Amino acid sequence: MTQNDNSPLNIRLLYMSYLAFLFFILYGSVNQYTSLGTAPSSFVFEWEKSIPFIEEWTVPYTMIYPMFVLAFLLPQSNQELSLLAWRSLVIILFSVLIFLFFPLAFSFSKPETENFNWFLEAVELVDLPYNQAPSLHVSFSVVLWFSLAKRVKAWWEKALLALLFFTVAISTLFVYQHHFIDVITGALVGFLSCYFIGKKSFNGLARAEELKKALLLLLGSLLAVVLYFHVSFLFGFIFLLLIGWSVWLVFLKHKVW
């Protein structure tokens, strides 16, 4: 396997599934953990109180999800897939650690909406208002732009992509999911991950069997974290072990040091 070979579709799908599942487990676990402690403070500028809630901005807010899928499904070289996967991993792990040790809460209440109340209610079921800074919505907007911009050649196509992801990023303000500090720090994390994980580096990709095993480990970690919250804190050690094992299988085992 060389860096310029085209990555197989099944490998891209498995990487996408692994990273999405990892994000879901870590993001949700830290959110739940924070909710059980003392309510965290908020960091909000006075001028932000004048930002209106605009329910139509829910549409660009949700665009991050299909764009994430698209970034992995589009044909790309092994090097491009490696960069996308590593950058995604870094922003997830780094942000989750910040959420855990320096939690912030969103301080505005969402009004009732006419057309998108179903979506906001669904969001509130799975996304407590604690994982704020840095905004992973914004970090992923940066990482996905760097990935997808390579697939288009014309400058105006790159500009349209940039406009799309900029809209996704600022939508977090208008649907009352994030404060301004979350957007700025999210962009910073995204740009730094793209800078330090440069295109000149190439790390090997995991095999399909390793990715499938890592997904099973994540499934086990999901069970472990549920038992951690409802049975005993000892399951927390099993949770961390399974998460670490899966990351080693998919990433660290194939790192070119």
Protein backbone atom coordinates (compact mmCIF):
# COMPACT_ATOMS: atom_id res chain seq x y z
CA MET A 1 0.00 0.00 0.00
CA THR A 2 1.49 3.33 -1.08
CA GLN A 3 0.31 6.82 -0.29
CA ASN A 4 -0.77 7.52 -3.88
CA ASP A 5 -2.85 4.36 -4.32
CA ASN A 6 -6.60 4.86 -4.32
CA SER A 7 -8.16 3.85 -1.01
CA PRO A 8 -10.82 1.10 -1.31
CA LEU A 9 -14.44 2.10 -0.70
CA ASN A 10 -14.90 -0.45 2.09
CA ILE A 11 -11.92 1.00 3.97
CA ARG A 12 -13.30 4.53 3.63
CA LEU A 13 -16.69 3.37 4.89
CA LEU A 14 -15.13 1.60 7.86
CA TYR A 15 -13.03 4.65 8.80
CA MET A 16 -16.12 6.85 8.54
CA SER A 17 -18.13 4.46 10.73
CA TYR A 18 -15.36 4.13 13.29
CA LEU A 19 -14.82 7.89 13.69
CA ALA A 20 -18.56 8.63 13.81
CA PHE A 21 -19.07 5.94 16.49
CA LEU A 22 -16.03 7.15 18.45
CA PHE A 23 -17.34 10.70 18.36
CA PHE A 24 -20.81 9.61 19.49
CA ILE A 25 -19.46 7.61 22.44
CA LEU A 26 -16.87 10.11 23.69
CA TYR A 27 -18.98 13.23 23.14
CA GLY A 28 -22.04 11.70 24.80
CA SER A 29 -20.08 10.23 27.71
CA VAL A 30 -18.41 13.51 28.61
CA ASN A 31 -21.69 15.37 28.26
CA GLN A 32 -23.34 12.94 30.67
CA TYR A 33 -20.40 13.07 33.08
CA THR A 34 -20.51 16.88 33.19
CA SER A 35 -24.25 16.86 33.84
CA LEU A 36 -23.74 14.89 37.05
CA GLY A 37 -21.42 17.44 38.63
CA THR A 38 -21.65 21.11 39.54
CA ALA A 39 -23.22 23.14 36.78
CA PRO A 40 -20.38 24.68 34.72
CA SER A 41 -20.15 28.38 34.04
CA SER A 42 -20.70 30.11 30.71
CA PHE A 43 -18.46 32.39 28.69
CA VAL A 44 -20.57 34.82 26.71
CA PHE A 45 -20.00 38.36 25.46
CA GLU A 46 -22.62 40.96 26.24
CA TRP A 47 -23.26 41.68 22.55
CA GLU A 48 -24.16 38.03 21.94
CA LYS A 49 -27.43 38.56 23.79
CA SER A 50 -28.65 40.49 20.75
CA ILE A 51 -28.12 37.53 18.40
CA PRO A 52 -31.57 36.38 17.27
CA PHE A 53 -32.70 32.79 17.17
CA ILE A 54 -33.45 31.99 13.51
CA GLU A 55 -34.96 28.57 13.04
CA GLU A 56 -34.14 28.43 9.30
CA TRP A 57 -30.46 28.25 10.19
CA THR A 58 -31.18 24.72 11.34
CA VAL A 59 -30.78 23.68 7.69
CA PRO A 60 -27.11 24.73 7.33
CA TYR A 61 -26.46 23.48 10.87
CA THR A 62 -27.43 19.94 9.81
CA MET A 63 -25.31 20.07 6.65
CA ILE A 64 -22.21 19.05 8.59
CA TYR A 65 -23.49 15.47 8.78
CA PRO A 66 -23.90 14.73 5.04
CA MET A 67 -20.67 16.61 4.34
CA PHE A 68 -18.84 14.36 6.81
CA VAL A 69 -20.18 11.30 5.00
CA LEU A 70 -19.35 12.79 1.60
CA ALA A 71 -15.76 13.54 2.60
CA PHE A 72 -15.17 9.84 3.24
CA LEU A 73 -17.23 8.43 0.37
CA LEU A 74 -15.56 10.42 -2.39
CA PRO A 75 -12.62 8.67 -4.12
CA GLN A 76 -9.29 9.63 -2.59
CA SER A 77 -5.76 8.37 -2.19
CA ASN A 78 -4.50 6.52 0.85
CA GLN A 79 -2.64 9.65 1.91
CA GLU A 80 -5.75 11.81 1.66
CA LEU A 81 -7.79 9.32 3.68
CA SER A 82 -5.02 9.10 6.27
CA LEU A 83 -4.96 12.89 6.64
CA LEU A 84 -8.73 13.14 6.96
CA ALA A 85 -8.91 10.33 9.50
CA TRP A 86 -6.00 11.57 11.65
CA ARG A 87 -7.25 15.16 11.66
CA SER A 88 -10.72 13.98 12.65
CA LEU A 89 -9.30 11.85 15.43
CA VAL A 90 -7.19 14.70 16.80
CA ILE A 91 -10.02 17.24 16.95
CA ILE A 92 -12.30 14.69 18.61
CA LEU A 93 -9.82 13.60 21.28
CA PHE A 94 -8.47 17.08 21.99
CA SER A 95 -11.92 18.66 22.21
CA VAL A 96 -13.29 15.92 24.44
CA LEU A 97 -10.42 16.45 26.88
CA ILE A 98 -11.18 20.18 26.98
CA PHE A 99 -14.87 19.42 27.55
CA LEU A 100 -13.94 17.11 30.40
CA PHE A 101 -11.50 19.33 32.29
CA PHE A 102 -12.77 22.80 31.33
CA PRO A 103 -16.52 22.44 30.80
CA LEU A 104 -18.67 25.35 29.71
CA ALA A 105 -22.44 25.56 29.42
CA PHE A 106 -24.65 27.29 26.88
CA SER A 107 -26.64 30.00 28.64
CA PHE A 108 -29.51 30.95 26.29
CA SER A 109 -32.86 29.19 26.24
CA LYS A 110 -34.24 28.14 22.87
CA PRO A 111 -37.67 29.47 21.87
CA GLU A 112 -40.41 27.35 20.36
CA THR A 113 -40.23 27.03 16.59
CA GLU A 114 -42.85 26.44 13.92
CA ASN A 115 -41.01 24.17 11.51
CA PHE A 116 -37.95 22.72 13.23
CA ASN A 117 -39.12 22.02 16.76
CA TRP A 118 -38.85 18.26 16.10
CA PHE A 119 -35.18 18.62 15.25
CA LEU A 120 -34.31 20.79 18.25
CA GLU A 121 -36.11 18.39 20.56
CA ALA A 122 -34.12 15.51 19.06
CA VAL A 123 -30.89 17.44 19.57
CA GLU A 124 -31.72 18.11 23.21
CA LEU A 125 -32.32 14.40 23.78
CA VAL A 126 -28.76 13.47 22.80
CA ASP A 127 -26.84 16.73 23.25
CA LEU A 128 -26.83 18.31 26.68
CA PRO A 129 -25.72 21.97 26.70
CA TYR A 130 -22.22 21.37 28.10
CA ASN A 131 -19.75 20.41 25.36
CA GLN A 132 -19.24 23.98 24.21
CA ALA A 133 -15.70 25.20 23.61
CA PRO A 134 -14.20 24.31 21.22
CA SER A 135 -17.15 23.73 18.89
CA LEU A 136 -16.64 20.44 17.07
CA HIS A 137 -19.17 21.62 14.49
CA VAL A 138 -16.72 24.37 13.58
CA SER A 139 -13.58 22.21 13.87
CA PHE A 140 -15.09 19.66 11.52
CA SER A 141 -16.08 22.44 9.12
CA VAL A 142 -12.40 23.39 8.82
CA VAL A 143 -11.11 19.82 8.53
CA LEU A 144 -13.75 18.82 5.98
CA TRP A 145 -13.09 21.90 3.87
CA PHE A 146 -9.39 21.05 3.63
CA SER A 147 -10.34 17.54 2.57
CA LEU A 148 -13.09 18.37 0.07
CA ALA A 149 -11.30 21.38 -1.44
CA LYS A 150 -8.77 18.94 -2.90
CA ARG A 151 -11.55 17.27 -4.90
CA VAL A 152 -12.37 20.43 -6.88
CA LYS A 153 -10.06 22.43 -9.12
CA ALA A 154 -11.72 25.75 -9.95
CA TRP A 155 -11.20 28.57 -7.47
CA TRP A 156 -14.91 29.39 -7.43
CA GLU A 157 -15.74 25.80 -6.46
CA LYS A 158 -13.33 26.04 -3.54
CA ALA A 159 -14.88 29.39 -2.63
CA LEU A 160 -18.39 27.90 -2.67
CA LEU A 161 -17.23 25.10 -0.39
CA ALA A 162 -15.66 27.64 1.96
CA LEU A 163 -18.92 29.63 1.98
CA LEU A 164 -20.89 26.49 2.77
CA PHE A 165 -18.71 25.55 5.72
CA PHE A 166 -18.60 29.15 6.95
CA THR A 167 -22.40 29.09 6.95
CA VAL A 168 -22.35 25.81 8.86
CA ALA A 169 -20.00 27.33 11.43
CA ILE A 170 -21.97 30.51 12.11
CA SER A 171 -25.28 28.62 12.12
CA THR A 172 -24.27 27.37 15.57
CA LEU A 173 -24.83 30.91 16.84
CA PHE A 174 -28.27 31.37 15.28
CA VAL A 175 -29.71 28.05 16.44
CA TYR A 176 -28.43 28.66 19.98
CA GLN A 177 -26.02 25.75 20.12
CA HIS A 178 -22.83 27.69 20.76
CA HIS A 179 -21.45 31.00 21.96
CA PHE A 180 -18.91 33.05 20.02
CA ILE A 181 -15.93 31.80 22.04
CA ASP A 182 -16.85 28.24 21.03
CA VAL A 183 -16.78 29.18 17.35
CA ILE A 184 -13.38 30.89 17.58
CA THR A 185 -11.75 28.08 19.55
CA GLY A 186 -13.35 25.47 17.29
CA ALA A 187 -11.86 27.13 14.22
CA LEU A 188 -8.48 27.34 15.94
CA VAL A 189 -8.49 23.63 16.79
CA GLY A 190 -9.47 22.76 13.23
CA PHE A 191 -6.75 24.89 11.62
CA LEU A 192 -4.08 23.69 14.04
CA SER A 193 -4.92 20.04 13.36
CA CYS A 194 -4.59 20.67 9.62
CA TYR A 195 -1.33 22.54 10.13
CA PHE A 196 0.40 20.00 12.36
CA ILE A 197 -0.91 16.97 10.49
CA GLY A 198 0.50 18.12 7.18
CA LYS A 199 0.05 16.68 3.74
CA LYS A 200 3.71 15.62 3.55
CA SER A 201 3.22 13.01 6.23
CA PHE A 202 1.69 9.62 5.50
CA ASN A 203 0.64 6.99 7.98
CA GLY A 204 -0.40 3.51 7.02
CA LEU A 205 -4.06 2.60 6.97
CA ALA A 206 -5.67 -0.10 9.07
CA ARG A 207 -6.90 -3.24 7.36
CA ALA A 208 -10.60 -4.02 7.12
CA GLU A 209 -10.30 -6.73 9.78
CA GLU A 210 -8.68 -4.28 12.22
CA LEU A 211 -11.34 -1.66 11.60
CA LYS A 212 -14.12 -4.17 12.18
CA LYS A 213 -12.46 -5.31 15.41
CA ALA A 214 -12.13 -1.68 16.50
CA LEU A 215 -15.86 -1.16 15.91
CA LEU A 216 -16.59 -4.15 18.14
CA LEU A 217 -14.32 -2.66 20.80
CA LEU A 218 -16.28 0.58 20.59
CA LEU A 219 -19.49 -1.37 21.01
CA GLY A 220 -18.01 -2.91 24.14
CA SER A 221 -16.95 0.53 25.38
CA LEU A 222 -20.52 1.76 24.96
CA LEU A 223 -21.73 -1.02 27.24
CA ALA A 224 -18.91 -0.28 29.68
CA VAL A 225 -19.75 3.41 29.95
CA VAL A 226 -23.43 2.64 30.54
CA LEU A 227 -22.40 0.32 33.38
CA TYR A 228 -20.04 3.02 34.65
CA PHE A 229 -22.91 5.48 35.07
CA HIS A 230 -25.42 2.97 36.46
CA VAL A 231 -23.47 0.22 38.23
CA SER A 232 -19.88 0.99 39.28
CA PHE A 233 -17.08 3.42 38.55
CA LEU A 234 -14.81 0.41 37.98
CA PHE A 235 -16.33 0.00 34.53
CA GLY A 236 -14.74 3.34 33.68
CA PHE A 237 -11.35 1.63 33.51
CA ILE A 238 -12.71 -0.95 31.09
CA PHE A 239 -14.22 1.87 29.03
CA LEU A 240 -10.87 3.64 28.73
CA LEU A 241 -9.06 0.40 27.97
CA LEU A 242 -11.43 -0.47 25.11
CA ILE A 243 -11.30 3.05 23.66
CA GLY A 244 -7.51 3.07 23.82
CA TRP A 245 -7.27 -0.38 22.28
CA SER A 246 -9.47 0.64 19.37
CA VAL A 247 -7.46 3.82 18.71
CA TRP A 248 -4.26 1.79 18.77
CA LEU A 249 -5.66 -0.71 16.28
CA VAL A 250 -6.85 1.92 13.82
CA PHE A 251 -4.24 4.63 14.21
CA LEU A 252 -1.25 4.16 16.51
CA LYS A 253 -0.38 0.70 15.23
CA HIS A 254 0.08 2.16 11.77
CA LYS A 255 1.75 5.44 12.75
CA VAL A 256 5.02 6.13 10.94
CA TRP A 257 7.06 7.57 13.82
